[in-house]
Amino acid sequence: MIENFKYKINTAAADFGVAVKDVSAIIKEHTGAEKKSGASLTEAETNILFDALTQKNAVKSFNLLFIVE
């Protein structure tokens, strides 16, 4: 666990190209905690966010990336 871990919701939203309200909604859905845009995410909340966004934006296949002509 990282001490003094701070990752602001608005920064996370900008980093992932999603709306702040979407990040807040993901955190609320999984933890029940309401966070404002300037609030910091805990390390656990950041992990929840990463997992949720990864699952939501998963690719079906990587085959196109490995096609060599």
C-alpha atoms as a PDB file:
ATOM      1  CA  MET A   1       0.000   0.000   0.000  1.00  0.00           C
ATOM      2  CA  ILE A   2       1.284   3.436  -0.905  1.00  0.00           C
ATOM      3  CA  GLU A   3       1.310   6.020   1.858  1.00  0.00           C
ATOM      4  CA  ASN A   4      -0.237   9.400   1.083  1.00  0.00           C
ATOM      5  CA  PHE A   5      -1.656   8.130  -2.204  1.00  0.00           C
ATOM      6  CA  LYS A   6      -3.631  10.914  -3.916  1.00  0.00           C
ATOM      7  CA  TYR A   7      -5.312  10.811  -7.299  1.00  0.00           C
ATOM      8  CA  LYS A   8      -7.961  13.457  -7.843  1.00  0.00           C
ATOM      9  CA  ILE A   9     -11.186  12.492  -9.552  1.00  0.00           C
ATOM     10  CA  ASN A  10     -10.913  15.282 -12.115  1.00  0.00           C
ATOM     11  CA  THR A  11      -7.357  14.206 -12.961  1.00  0.00           C
ATOM     12  CA  ALA A  12      -8.430  10.562 -13.325  1.00  0.00           C
ATOM     13  CA  ALA A  13     -11.296  11.590 -15.591  1.00  0.00           C
ATOM     14  CA  ALA A  14      -8.980  13.650 -17.788  1.00  0.00           C
ATOM     15  CA  ASP A  15      -6.390  10.849 -17.916  1.00  0.00           C
ATOM     16  CA  PHE A  16      -8.983   8.346 -19.116  1.00  0.00           C
ATOM     17  CA  GLY A  17     -10.940  10.721 -21.340  1.00  0.00           C
ATOM     18  CA  VAL A  18     -14.209  10.278 -19.457  1.00  0.00           C
ATOM     19  CA  ALA A  19     -16.501  12.718 -17.671  1.00  0.00           C
ATOM     20  CA  VAL A  20     -15.956  13.478 -13.992  1.00  0.00           C
ATOM     21  CA  LYS A  21     -19.543  12.409 -13.295  1.00  0.00           C
ATOM     22  CA  ASP A  22     -18.771   8.989 -14.821  1.00  0.00           C
ATOM     23  CA  VAL A  23     -15.803   8.489 -12.495  1.00  0.00           C
ATOM     24  CA  SER A  24     -17.904   9.585  -9.512  1.00  0.00           C
ATOM     25  CA  ALA A  25     -20.692   7.212 -10.572  1.00  0.00           C
ATOM     26  CA  ILE A  26     -18.302   4.245 -10.786  1.00  0.00           C
ATOM     27  CA  ILE A  27     -16.955   4.959  -7.303  1.00  0.00           C
ATOM     28  CA  LYS A  28     -20.447   5.420  -5.875  1.00  0.00           C
ATOM     29  CA  GLU A  29     -21.689   2.212  -7.516  1.00  0.00           C
ATOM     30  CA  HIS A  30     -18.885   0.129  -6.008  1.00  0.00           C
ATOM     31  CA  THR A  31     -18.357   1.807  -2.627  1.00  0.00           C
ATOM     32  CA  GLY A  32     -21.484   3.809  -1.892  1.00  0.00           C
ATOM     33  CA  ALA A  33     -19.317   6.880  -1.304  1.00  0.00           C
ATOM     34  CA  GLU A  34     -20.181  10.107  -3.118  1.00  0.00           C
ATOM     35  CA  LYS A  35     -17.134  12.033  -4.272  1.00  0.00           C
ATOM     36  CA  LYS A  36     -16.901  15.541  -5.695  1.00  0.00           C
ATOM     37  CA  SER A  37     -14.678  16.385  -8.640  1.00  0.00           C
ATOM     38  CA  GLY A  38     -11.865  17.808  -6.513  1.00  0.00           C
ATOM     39  CA  ALA A  39     -11.848  14.892  -4.072  1.00  0.00           C
ATOM     40  CA  SER A  40      -8.969  12.450  -3.985  1.00  0.00           C
ATOM     41  CA  LEU A  41      -9.397   8.757  -4.618  1.00  0.00           C
ATOM     42  CA  THR A  42      -7.873   6.248  -2.253  1.00  0.00           C
ATOM     43  CA  GLU A  43      -5.631   3.543  -3.630  1.00  0.00           C
ATOM     44  CA  ALA A  44      -8.509   1.048  -3.326  1.00  0.00           C
ATOM     45  CA  GLU A  45     -10.918   3.399  -5.151  1.00  0.00           C
ATOM     46  CA  THR A  46      -8.347   3.903  -7.898  1.00  0.00           C
ATOM     47  CA  ASN A  47      -8.068   0.138  -8.308  1.00  0.00           C
ATOM     48  CA  ILE A  48     -11.870  -0.076  -8.540  1.00  0.00           C
ATOM     49  CA  LEU A  49     -11.874   2.643 -11.194  1.00  0.00           C
ATOM     50  CA  PHE A  50      -9.136   0.946 -13.241  1.00  0.00           C
ATOM     51  CA  ASP A  51     -10.942  -2.401 -13.075  1.00  0.00           C
ATOM     52  CA  ALA A  52     -14.290  -0.893 -14.076  1.00  0.00           C
ATOM     53  CA  LEU A  53     -12.862   1.086 -16.995  1.00  0.00           C
ATOM     54  CA  THR A  54     -10.808  -1.880 -18.195  1.00  0.00           C
ATOM     55  CA  GLN A  55     -13.848  -4.151 -18.200  1.00  0.00           C
ATOM     56  CA  LYS A  56     -16.039  -1.536 -19.872  1.00  0.00           C
ATOM     57  CA  ASN A  57     -13.501  -0.854 -22.636  1.00  0.00           C
ATOM     58  CA  ALA A  58     -12.142  -4.354 -23.162  1.00  0.00           C
ATOM     59  CA  VAL A  59     -11.313  -5.344 -26.703  1.00  0.00           C
ATOM     60  CA  LYS A  60     -12.831  -8.537 -28.075  1.00  0.00           C
ATOM     61  CA  SER A  61      -9.717  -9.616 -29.913  1.00  0.00           C
ATOM     62  CA  PHE A  62      -6.131  -8.523 -30.356  1.00  0.00           C
ATOM     63  CA  ASN A  63      -5.824 -10.351 -33.686  1.00  0.00           C
ATOM     64  CA  LEU A  64      -5.851  -7.134 -35.727  1.00  0.00           C
ATOM     65  CA  LEU A  65      -2.864  -5.852 -33.786  1.00  0.00           C
ATOM     66  CA  PHE A  66      -0.780  -8.865 -34.730  1.00  0.00           C
ATOM     67  CA  ILE A  67      -1.491  -9.063 -38.452  1.00  0.00           C
ATOM     68  CA  VAL A  68       1.762  -8.841 -40.379  1.00  0.00           C
ATOM     69  CA  GLU A  69       1.631  -8.144 -44.080  1.00  0.00           C
END
